PDB file of N, CA and C in Angstrom:
ATOM      1  N   UNK A   1     -16.884  -4.424   5.969  1.00  0.00           N
ATOM      2  CA  UNK A   1     -16.401  -4.069   4.651  1.00  0.00           C
ATOM      3  C   UNK A   1     -14.923  -3.717   4.779  1.00  0.00           C
ATOM      4  N   UNK A   2     -14.106  -4.274   3.895  1.00  0.00           N
ATOM      5  CA  UNK A   2     -12.668  -4.004   3.891  1.00  0.00           C
ATOM      6  C   UNK A   2     -12.192  -3.753   2.470  1.00  0.00           C
ATOM      7  N   UNK A   3     -11.055  -3.102   2.323  1.00  0.00           N
ATOM      8  CA  UNK A   3     -10.436  -2.862   1.026  1.00  0.00           C
ATOM      9  C   UNK A   3      -8.931  -2.888   1.170  1.00  0.00           C
ATOM     10  N   UNK A   4      -8.229  -3.231   0.105  1.00  0.00           N
ATOM     11  CA  UNK A   4      -6.772  -3.304   0.155  1.00  0.00           C
ATOM     12  C   UNK A   4      -6.174  -2.881  -1.181  1.00  0.00           C
ATOM     13  N   UNK A   5      -5.145  -2.057  -1.122  1.00  0.00           N
ATOM     14  CA  UNK A   5      -4.329  -1.719  -2.289  1.00  0.00           C
ATOM     15  C   UNK A   5      -2.939  -2.295  -2.040  1.00  0.00           C
ATOM     16  N   UNK A   6      -2.374  -2.936  -3.051  1.00  0.00           N
ATOM     17  CA  UNK A   6      -1.043  -3.524  -2.958  1.00  0.00           C
ATOM     18  C   UNK A   6      -0.217  -3.007  -4.131  1.00  0.00           C
ATOM     19  N   UNK A   7       1.057  -2.718  -3.872  1.00  0.00           N
ATOM     20  CA  UNK A   7       1.938  -2.258  -4.952  1.00  0.00           C
ATOM     21  C   UNK A   7       3.372  -2.657  -4.643  1.00  0.00           C
ATOM     22  N   UNK A   8       4.176  -2.675  -5.680  1.00  0.00           N
ATOM     23  CA  UNK A   8       5.610  -2.844  -5.504  1.00  0.00           C
ATOM     24  C   UNK A   8       6.313  -1.906  -6.458  1.00  0.00           C
ATOM     25  N   UNK A   9       7.542  -1.536  -6.131  1.00  0.00           N
ATOM     26  CA  UNK A   9       8.283  -0.651  -7.010  1.00  0.00           C
ATOM     27  C   UNK A   9       9.774  -0.753  -6.773  1.00  0.00           C
ATOM     28  N   UNK A  10      10.548  -0.256  -7.738  1.00  0.00           N
ATOM     29  CA  UNK A  10      11.998  -0.158  -7.615  1.00  0.00           C
ATOM     30  C   UNK A  10      12.408   1.248  -8.024  1.00  0.00           C
ATOM     31  N   UNK A  11      13.593   1.650  -7.608  1.00  0.00           N
ATOM     32  CA  UNK A  11      14.101   2.962  -7.990  1.00  0.00           C
ATOM     33  C   UNK A  11      13.191   4.093  -7.529  1.00  0.00           C
ATOM     34  N   UNK A  12      13.066   5.135  -8.342  1.00  0.00           N
ATOM     35  CA  UNK A  12      12.262   6.299  -7.984  1.00  0.00           C
ATOM     36  C   UNK A  12      10.784   5.969  -7.816  1.00  0.00           C
ATOM     37  N   UNK A  13      10.308   4.921  -8.464  1.00  0.00           N
ATOM     38  CA  UNK A  13       8.900   4.536  -8.376  1.00  0.00           C
ATOM     39  C   UNK A  13       8.562   3.752  -7.107  1.00  0.00           C
ATOM     40  N   UNK A  14       9.541   3.542  -6.224  1.00  0.00           N
ATOM     41  CA  UNK A  14       9.252   2.820  -4.990  1.00  0.00           C
ATOM     42  C   UNK A  14       9.098   3.756  -3.795  1.00  0.00           C
ATOM     43  N   UNK A  15       9.098   5.046  -4.031  1.00  0.00           N
ATOM     44  CA  UNK A  15       8.900   5.969  -2.909  1.00  0.00           C
ATOM     45  C   UNK A  15       7.423   5.956  -2.509  1.00  0.00           C
ATOM     46  N   UNK A  16       7.121   6.222  -1.246  1.00  0.00           N
ATOM     47  CA  UNK A  16       5.716   6.292  -0.837  1.00  0.00           C
ATOM     48  C   UNK A  16       4.916   7.290  -1.674  1.00  0.00           C
ATOM     49  N   UNK A  17       5.505   8.415  -2.012  1.00  0.00           N
ATOM     50  CA  UNK A  17       4.815   9.426  -2.820  1.00  0.00           C
ATOM     51  C   UNK A  17       4.458   8.857  -4.195  1.00  0.00           C
ATOM     52  N   UNK A  18       5.387   8.162  -4.830  1.00  0.00           N
ATOM     53  CA  UNK A  18       5.135   7.588  -6.156  1.00  0.00           C
ATOM     54  C   UNK A  18       4.058   6.515  -6.101  1.00  0.00           C
ATOM     55  N   UNK A  19       4.069   5.692  -5.056  1.00  0.00           N
ATOM     56  CA  UNK A  19       3.080   4.621  -4.936  1.00  0.00           C
ATOM     57  C   UNK A  19       1.688   5.204  -4.719  1.00  0.00           C
ATOM     58  N   UNK A  20       1.556   6.153  -3.791  1.00  0.00           N
ATOM     59  CA  UNK A  20       0.240   6.756  -3.537  1.00  0.00           C
ATOM     60  C   UNK A  20      -0.243   7.509  -4.775  1.00  0.00           C
ATOM     61  N   UNK A  21       0.665   8.178  -5.466  1.00  0.00           N
ATOM     62  CA  UNK A  21       0.296   8.874  -6.703  1.00  0.00           C
ATOM     63  C   UNK A  21      -0.262   7.890  -7.730  1.00  0.00           C
ATOM     64  N   UNK A  22       0.375   6.728  -7.866  1.00  0.00           N
ATOM     65  CA  UNK A  22      -0.117   5.733  -8.823  1.00  0.00           C
ATOM     66  C   UNK A  22      -1.478   5.183  -8.383  1.00  0.00           C
ATOM     67  N   UNK A  23      -1.669   4.976  -7.086  1.00  0.00           N
ATOM     68  CA  UNK A  23      -2.970   4.519  -6.597  1.00  0.00           C
ATOM     69  C   UNK A  23      -4.055   5.550  -6.892  1.00  0.00           C
ATOM     70  N   UNK A  24      -3.749   6.821  -6.685  1.00  0.00           N
ATOM     71  CA  UNK A  24      -4.750   7.870  -6.885  1.00  0.00           C
ATOM     72  C   UNK A  24      -5.096   8.067  -8.362  1.00  0.00           C
ATOM     73  N   UNK A  25      -4.218   7.654  -9.276  1.00  0.00           N
ATOM     74  CA  UNK A  25      -4.490   7.750 -10.712  1.00  0.00           C
ATOM     75  C   UNK A  25      -5.237   6.524 -11.246  1.00  0.00           C
ATOM     76  N   UNK A  26      -5.409   5.518 -10.419  1.00  0.00           N
ATOM     77  CA  UNK A  26      -6.103   4.285 -10.801  1.00  0.00           C
ATOM     78  C   UNK A  26      -7.486   4.290 -10.150  1.00  0.00           C
ATOM     79  N   UNK A  27      -8.577   4.335 -10.939  1.00  0.00           N
ATOM     80  CA  UNK A  27      -9.919   4.400 -10.338  1.00  0.00           C
ATOM     81  C   UNK A  27     -10.218   3.328  -9.277  1.00  0.00           C
ATOM     82  N   UNK A  28      -9.878   2.044  -9.475  1.00  0.00           N
ATOM     83  CA  UNK A  28     -10.175   1.066  -8.420  1.00  0.00           C
ATOM     84  C   UNK A  28      -9.390   1.317  -7.127  1.00  0.00           C
ATOM     85  N   UNK A  29      -8.110   1.694  -7.268  1.00  0.00           N
ATOM     86  CA  UNK A  29      -7.291   1.967  -6.083  1.00  0.00           C
ATOM     87  C   UNK A  29      -7.767   3.237  -5.378  1.00  0.00           C
ATOM     88  N   UNK A  30      -8.081   4.244  -6.161  1.00  0.00           N
ATOM     89  CA  UNK A  30      -8.582   5.508  -5.610  1.00  0.00           C
ATOM     90  C   UNK A  30      -9.874   5.265  -4.829  1.00  0.00           C
ATOM     91  N   UNK A  31     -10.738   4.389  -5.350  1.00  0.00           N
ATOM     92  CA  UNK A  31     -11.992   4.077  -4.664  1.00  0.00           C
ATOM     93  C   UNK A  31     -11.732   3.471  -3.285  1.00  0.00           C
ATOM     94  N   UNK A  32     -10.743   2.582  -3.185  1.00  0.00           N
ATOM     95  CA  UNK A  32     -10.403   1.999  -1.880  1.00  0.00           C
ATOM     96  C   UNK A  32      -9.963   3.095  -0.914  1.00  0.00           C
ATOM     97  N   UNK A  33      -9.119   4.000  -1.381  1.00  0.00           N
ATOM     98  CA  UNK A  33      -8.594   5.066  -0.526  1.00  0.00           C
ATOM     99  C   UNK A  33      -9.696   6.039  -0.098  1.00  0.00           C
ATOM    100  N   UNK A  34     -10.611   6.366  -1.002  1.00  0.00           N
ATOM    101  CA  UNK A  34     -11.593   7.417  -0.738  1.00  0.00           C
ATOM    102  C   UNK A  34     -12.979   6.926  -0.297  1.00  0.00           C
ATOM    103  N   UNK A  35     -13.189   5.627  -0.167  1.00  0.00           N
ATOM    104  CA  UNK A  35     -14.490   5.124   0.269  1.00  0.00           C
ATOM    105  C   UNK A  35     -14.811   5.669   1.660  1.00  0.00           C
ATOM    106  N   UNK A  36     -15.885   6.466   1.795  1.00  0.00           N
ATOM    107  CA  UNK A  36     -16.169   7.117   3.071  1.00  0.00           C
ATOM    108  C   UNK A  36     -16.551   6.162   4.204  1.00  0.00           C
ATOM    109  N   UNK A  37     -17.022   4.956   3.882  1.00  0.00           N
ATOM    110  CA  UNK A  37     -17.371   3.992   4.933  1.00  0.00           C
ATOM    111  C   UNK A  37     -16.129   3.426   5.625  1.00  0.00           C
ATOM    112  N   UNK A  38     -14.984   3.506   4.970  1.00  0.00           N
ATOM    113  CA  UNK A  38     -13.743   3.041   5.591  1.00  0.00           C
ATOM    114  C   UNK A  38     -13.272   4.097   6.577  1.00  0.00           C
ATOM    115  N   UNK A  39     -13.268   3.753   7.869  1.00  0.00           N
ATOM    116  CA  UNK A  39     -12.875   4.698   8.904  1.00  0.00           C
ATOM    117  C   UNK A  39     -11.527   4.340   9.535  1.00  0.00           C
ATOM    118  N   UNK A  40     -11.011   3.174   9.216  1.00  0.00           N
ATOM    119  CA  UNK A  40      -9.740   2.704   9.778  1.00  0.00           C
ATOM    120  C   UNK A  40      -8.754   2.473   8.639  1.00  0.00           C
ATOM    121  N   UNK A  41      -7.446   2.583   8.963  1.00  0.00           N
ATOM    122  CA  UNK A  41      -6.418   2.412   7.938  1.00  0.00           C
ATOM    123  C   UNK A  41      -5.209   1.685   8.535  1.00  0.00           C
ATOM    124  N   UNK A  42      -4.590   0.853   7.730  1.00  0.00           N
ATOM    125  CA  UNK A  42      -3.334   0.206   8.073  1.00  0.00           C
ATOM    126  C   UNK A  42      -2.420   0.304   6.867  1.00  0.00           C
ATOM    127  N   UNK A  43      -1.153   0.619   7.111  1.00  0.00           N
ATOM    128  CA  UNK A  43      -0.188   0.783   6.020  1.00  0.00           C
ATOM    129  C   UNK A  43       1.036  -0.063   6.338  1.00  0.00           C
ATOM    130  N   UNK A  44       1.524  -0.785   5.340  1.00  0.00           N
ATOM    131  CA  UNK A  44       2.722  -1.588   5.538  1.00  0.00           C
ATOM    132  C   UNK A  44       3.672  -1.442   4.375  1.00  0.00           C
ATOM    133  N   UNK A  45       4.953  -1.604   4.655  1.00  0.00           N
ATOM    134  CA  UNK A  45       5.971  -1.580   3.607  1.00  0.00           C
ATOM    135  C   UNK A  45       7.084  -2.555   3.979  1.00  0.00           C
ATOM    136  N   UNK A  46       7.676  -3.157   2.980  1.00  0.00           N
ATOM    137  CA  UNK A  46       8.777  -4.094   3.211  1.00  0.00           C
ATOM    138  C   UNK A  46       9.750  -4.003   2.050  1.00  0.00           C
ATOM    139  N   UNK A  47      11.022  -4.033   2.350  1.00  0.00           N
ATOM    140  CA  UNK A  47      12.081  -4.026   1.341  1.00  0.00           C
ATOM    141  C   UNK A  47      12.565  -5.456   1.146  1.00  0.00           C
ATOM    142  N   UNK A  48      12.509  -5.943  -0.092  1.00  0.00           N
ATOM    143  CA  UNK A  48      12.973  -7.305  -0.379  1.00  0.00           C
ATOM    144  C   UNK A  48      14.472  -7.390  -0.146  1.00  0.00           C
ATOM    145  N   UNK A  49      14.903  -8.415   0.557  1.00  0.00           N
ATOM    146  CA  UNK A  49      16.327  -8.586   0.830  1.00  0.00           C
ATOM    147  C   UNK A  49      17.011  -9.434  -0.230  1.00  0.00           C
ATOM    148  N   UNK A  50      16.218 -10.049  -1.094  1.00  0.00           N
ATOM    149  CA  UNK A  50      16.755 -10.863  -2.185  1.00  0.00           C
ATOM    150  C   UNK A  50      16.195 -10.354  -3.500  1.00  0.00           C
ATOM    151  N   UNK A  51      16.748 -10.817  -4.600  1.00  0.00           N
ATOM    152  CA  UNK A  51      16.241 -10.455  -5.922  1.00  0.00           C
ATOM    153  C   UNK A  51      14.847 -11.039  -6.094  1.00  0.00           C
ATOM    154  N   UNK A  52      13.927 -10.241  -6.647  1.00  0.00           N
ATOM    155  CA  UNK A  52      12.555 -10.668  -6.891  1.00  0.00           C
ATOM    156  C   UNK A  52      12.230 -10.382  -8.346  1.00  0.00           C
ATOM    157  N   UNK A  53      11.816 -11.407  -9.081  1.00  0.00           N
ATOM    158  CA  UNK A  53      11.524 -11.280 -10.518  1.00  0.00           C
ATOM    159  C   UNK A  53      12.681 -10.611 -11.266  1.00  0.00           C
ATOM    160  N   UNK A  54      13.900 -11.010 -10.921  1.00  0.00           N
ATOM    161  CA  UNK A  54      15.143 -10.499 -11.521  1.00  0.00           C
ATOM    162  C   UNK A  54      15.383  -9.019 -11.218  1.00  0.00           C
ATOM    163  N   UNK A  55      14.696  -8.475 -10.209  1.00  0.00           N
ATOM    164  CA  UNK A  55      14.870  -7.082  -9.792  1.00  0.00           C
ATOM    165  C   UNK A  55      15.472  -7.063  -8.393  1.00  0.00           C
ATOM    166  N   UNK A  56      16.278  -6.048  -8.113  1.00  0.00           N
ATOM    167  CA  UNK A  56      16.807  -5.894  -6.757  1.00  0.00           C
ATOM    168  C   UNK A  56      16.253  -4.606  -6.154  1.00  0.00           C
ATOM    169  N   UNK A  57      16.365  -4.486  -4.850  1.00  0.00           N
ATOM    170  CA  UNK A  57      15.867  -3.320  -4.111  1.00  0.00           C
ATOM    171  C   UNK A  57      14.390  -3.051  -4.400  1.00  0.00           C
ATOM    172  N   UNK A  58      13.585  -4.097  -4.336  1.00  0.00           N
ATOM    173  CA  UNK A  58      12.144  -3.975  -4.560  1.00  0.00           C
ATOM    174  C   UNK A  58      11.469  -3.654  -3.225  1.00  0.00           C
ATOM    175  N   UNK A  59      10.602  -2.654  -3.244  1.00  0.00           N
ATOM    176  CA  UNK A  59       9.842  -2.291  -2.056  1.00  0.00           C
ATOM    177  C   UNK A  59       8.374  -2.646  -2.293  1.00  0.00           C
ATOM    178  N   UNK A  60       7.770  -3.288  -1.308  1.00  0.00           N
ATOM    179  CA  UNK A  60       6.366  -3.683  -1.372  1.00  0.00           C
ATOM    180  C   UNK A  60       5.548  -2.791  -0.443  1.00  0.00           C
ATOM    181  N   UNK A  61       4.354  -2.434  -0.870  1.00  0.00           N
ATOM    182  CA  UNK A  61       3.471  -1.580  -0.088  1.00  0.00           C
ATOM    183  C   UNK A  61       2.089  -2.210  -0.006  1.00  0.00           C
ATOM    184  N   UNK A  62       1.422  -2.015   1.117  1.00  0.00           N
ATOM    185  CA  UNK A  62       0.023  -2.391   1.245  1.00  0.00           C
ATOM    186  C   UNK A  62      -0.705  -1.312   2.043  1.00  0.00           C
ATOM    187  N   UNK A  63      -1.918  -1.047   1.622  1.00  0.00           N
ATOM    188  CA  UNK A  63      -2.792  -0.099   2.313  1.00  0.00           C
ATOM    189  C   UNK A  63      -4.094  -0.844   2.560  1.00  0.00           C
ATOM    190  N   UNK A  64      -4.451  -1.025   3.811  1.00  0.00           N
ATOM    191  CA  UNK A  64      -5.677  -1.730   4.167  1.00  0.00           C
ATOM    192  C   UNK A  64      -6.655  -0.757   4.800  1.00  0.00           C
ATOM    193  N   UNK A  65      -7.906  -0.812   4.344  1.00  0.00           N
ATOM    194  CA  UNK A  65      -8.964   0.057   4.873  1.00  0.00           C
ATOM    195  C   UNK A  65     -10.087  -0.821   5.385  1.00  0.00           C
ATOM    196  N   UNK A  66     -10.794  -0.345   6.398  1.00  0.00           N
ATOM    197  CA  UNK A  66     -11.912  -1.108   6.956  1.00  0.00           C
ATOM    198  C   UNK A  66     -12.930  -0.171   7.577  1.00  0.00           C
ATOM    199  N   UNK A  67     -14.173  -0.615   7.533  1.00  0.00           N
ATOM    200  CA  UNK A  67     -15.216   0.070   8.293  1.00  0.00           C
ATOM    201  C   UNK A  67     -14.913  -0.199   9.764  1.00  0.00           C
ATOM    202  N   UNK A  68     -15.216   0.728  10.626  1.00  0.00           N
ATOM    203  CA  UNK A  68     -14.853   0.627  12.051  1.00  0.00           C
ATOM    204  C   UNK A  68     -15.355  -0.650  12.693  1.00  0.00           C
ATOM    205  N   UNK A  69     -16.486  -1.182  12.250  1.00  0.00           N
ATOM    206  CA  UNK A  69     -17.042  -2.381  12.868  1.00  0.00           C
ATOM    207  C   UNK A  69     -16.500  -3.675  12.264  1.00  0.00           C
ATOM    208  N   UNK A  70     -15.560  -3.594  11.306  1.00  0.00           N
ATOM    209  CA  UNK A  70     -15.067  -4.784  10.616  1.00  0.00           C
ATOM    210  C   UNK A  70     -14.120  -5.637  11.449  1.00  0.00           C
ATOM    211  N   UNK A  71     -13.530  -5.091  12.476  1.00  0.00           N
ATOM    212  CA  UNK A  71     -12.568  -5.838  13.274  1.00  0.00           C
ATOM    213  C   UNK A  71     -12.453  -5.198  14.645  1.00  0.00           C
ATOM    214  N   UNK A  72     -11.877  -5.924  15.578  1.00  0.00           N
ATOM    215  CA  UNK A  72     -11.635  -5.369  16.909  1.00  0.00           C
ATOM    216  C   UNK A  72     -10.497  -4.381  16.845  1.00  0.00           C
ATOM    217  N   UNK A  73     -10.664  -3.257  17.426  1.00  0.00           N
ATOM    218  CA  UNK A  73      -9.631  -2.221  17.415  1.00  0.00           C
ATOM    219  C   UNK A  73      -8.471  -2.638  18.308  1.00  0.00           C
ATOM    220  N   UNK A  74      -7.250  -2.554  17.767  1.00  0.00           N
ATOM    221  CA  UNK A  74      -6.053  -2.872  18.532  1.00  0.00           C
ATOM    222  C   UNK A  74      -5.061  -1.738  18.367  1.00  0.00           C
ATOM    223  N   UNK A  75      -4.217  -1.588  19.336  1.00  0.00           N
ATOM    224  CA  UNK A  75      -3.184  -0.567  19.266  1.00  0.00           C
ATOM    225  C   UNK A  75      -2.134  -0.986  18.240  1.00  0.00           C
ATOM    226  N   UNK A  76      -1.706  -0.069  17.336  1.00  0.00           N
ATOM    227  CA  UNK A  76      -0.702  -0.422  16.321  1.00  0.00           C
ATOM    228  C   UNK A  76       0.632  -0.807  16.951  1.00  0.00           C
ATOM    229  N   UNK A  77       1.313  -1.754  16.322  1.00  0.00           N
ATOM    230  CA  UNK A  77       2.599  -2.227  16.821  1.00  0.00           C
ATOM    231  C   UNK A  77       3.782  -1.555  16.130  1.00  0.00           C
ATOM    232  N   UNK A  78       3.553  -0.784  15.097  1.00  0.00           N
ATOM    233  CA  UNK A  78       4.654  -0.163  14.379  1.00  0.00           C
ATOM    234  C   UNK A  78       4.183   1.117  13.741  1.00  0.00           C
ATOM    235  N   UNK A  79       4.973   1.639  12.837  1.00  0.00           N
ATOM    236  CA  UNK A  79       4.601   2.869  12.169  1.00  0.00           C
ATOM    237  C   UNK A  79       4.929   2.816  10.699  1.00  0.00           C
ATOM    238  N   UNK A  80       4.570   3.839   9.997  1.00  0.00           N
ATOM    239  CA  UNK A  80       4.849   3.944   8.567  1.00  0.00           C
ATOM    240  C   UNK A  80       6.313   4.291   8.369  1.00  0.00           C
ATOM    241  N   UNK A  81       7.002   3.497   7.559  1.00  0.00           N
ATOM    242  CA  UNK A  81       8.383   3.799   7.221  1.00  0.00           C
ATOM    243  C   UNK A  81       8.353   4.719   6.016  1.00  0.00           C
ATOM    244  N   UNK A  82       8.944   5.881   6.143  1.00  0.00           N
ATOM    245  CA  UNK A  82       8.805   6.871   5.083  1.00  0.00           C
ATOM    246  C   UNK A  82       9.995   6.931   4.138  1.00  0.00           C
ATOM    247  N   UNK A  83      11.080   6.257   4.442  1.00  0.00           N
ATOM    248  CA  UNK A  83      12.208   6.288   3.514  1.00  0.00           C
ATOM    249  C   UNK A  83      12.284   4.957   2.764  1.00  0.00           C
ATOM    250  N   UNK A  84      12.346   5.051   1.452  1.00  0.00           N
ATOM    251  CA  UNK A  84      12.409   3.849   0.631  1.00  0.00           C
ATOM    252  C   UNK A  84      13.213   4.154  -0.623  1.00  0.00           C
ATOM    253  N   UNK A  85      13.852   3.144  -1.194  1.00  0.00           N
ATOM    254  CA  UNK A  85      14.575   3.374  -2.435  1.00  0.00           C
ATOM    255  C   UNK A  85      13.638   3.746  -3.594  1.00  0.00           C
ATOM    256  N   UNK A  86      14.182   4.148  -4.703  1.00  0.00           N
ATOM    257  CA  UNK A  86      13.389   4.553  -5.852  1.00  0.00           C
ATOM    258  C   UNK A  86      12.793   3.416  -6.715  1.00  0.00           C
ATOM    259  N   UNK A  87      11.652   3.493  -8.110  1.00  0.00           N
ATOM    260  CA  UNK A  87      10.783   2.391  -8.565  1.00  0.00           C
ATOM    261  C   UNK A  87      10.337   2.131 -10.025  1.00  0.00           C
ATOM    262  N   UNK A  88       9.967   0.887 -10.588  1.00  0.00           N
ATOM    263  CA  UNK A  88       8.893   0.536 -11.516  1.00  0.00           C
ATOM    264  C   UNK A  88       7.835  -0.108 -10.635  1.00  0.00           C
ATOM    265  N   UNK A  89       6.591  -0.041 -10.948  1.00  0.00           N
ATOM    266  CA  UNK A  89       5.591  -0.553 -10.024  1.00  0.00           C
ATOM    267  C   UNK A  89       4.396  -1.181 -10.718  1.00  0.00           C
ATOM    268  N   UNK A  90       3.710  -2.003  -9.930  1.00  0.00           N
ATOM    269  CA  UNK A  90       2.443  -2.592 -10.320  1.00  0.00           C
ATOM    270  C   UNK A  90       1.511  -2.445  -9.132  1.00  0.00           C
ATOM    271  N   UNK A  91       0.242  -2.312  -9.407  1.00  0.00           N
ATOM    272  CA  UNK A  91      -0.716  -2.160  -8.324  1.00  0.00           C
ATOM    273  C   UNK A  91      -1.893  -3.111  -8.527  1.00  0.00           C
ATOM    274  N   UNK A  92      -2.496  -3.571  -7.450  1.00  0.00           N
ATOM    275  CA  UNK A  92      -3.619  -4.496  -7.552  1.00  0.00           C
ATOM    276  C   UNK A  92      -4.625  -4.196  -6.451  1.00  0.00           C
ATOM    277  N   UNK A  93      -5.788  -3.644  -6.794  1.00  0.00           N
ATOM    278  CA  UNK A  93      -6.769  -3.348  -5.748  1.00  0.00           C
ATOM    279  C   UNK A  93      -7.579  -4.582  -5.354  1.00  0.00           C
ATOM    280  N   UNK A  94      -8.089  -4.535  -4.161  1.00  0.00           N
ATOM    281  CA  UNK A  94      -8.964  -5.601  -3.684  1.00  0.00           C
ATOM    282  C   UNK A  94     -10.002  -4.972  -2.778  1.00  0.00           C
ATOM    283  N   UNK A  95     -11.257  -5.230  -3.045  1.00  0.00           N
ATOM    284  CA  UNK A  95     -12.340  -4.764  -2.168  1.00  0.00           C
ATOM    285  C   UNK A  95     -13.267  -5.938  -1.935  1.00  0.00           C
ATOM    286  N   UNK A  96     -13.593  -6.167  -0.669  1.00  0.00           N
ATOM    287  CA  UNK A  96     -14.504  -7.255  -0.329  1.00  0.00           C
ATOM    288  C   UNK A  96     -15.708  -6.669   0.343  1.00  0.00           C
TER     289      UNK A  96
END
């Protein structure tokens, strides 16, 4: 079992705090974050280097959750980047 939350933002709405806050206010996204069967987590962020949908300084976020038996455990290759520019955002949950 796996789940994924995806979001993007610009300006103040692109901070990690703003993105997680928006996920927690959305029932489908909150369910992905709080599902007790998910024991593993992966977090990614990327800053667009070009204009996207006529917006600049867009930050993309993904949060992936999985039950421990869903994949082979591997050592992480990076870490969570905590500094990001500010946002407008959209979110899209996915649970399989």
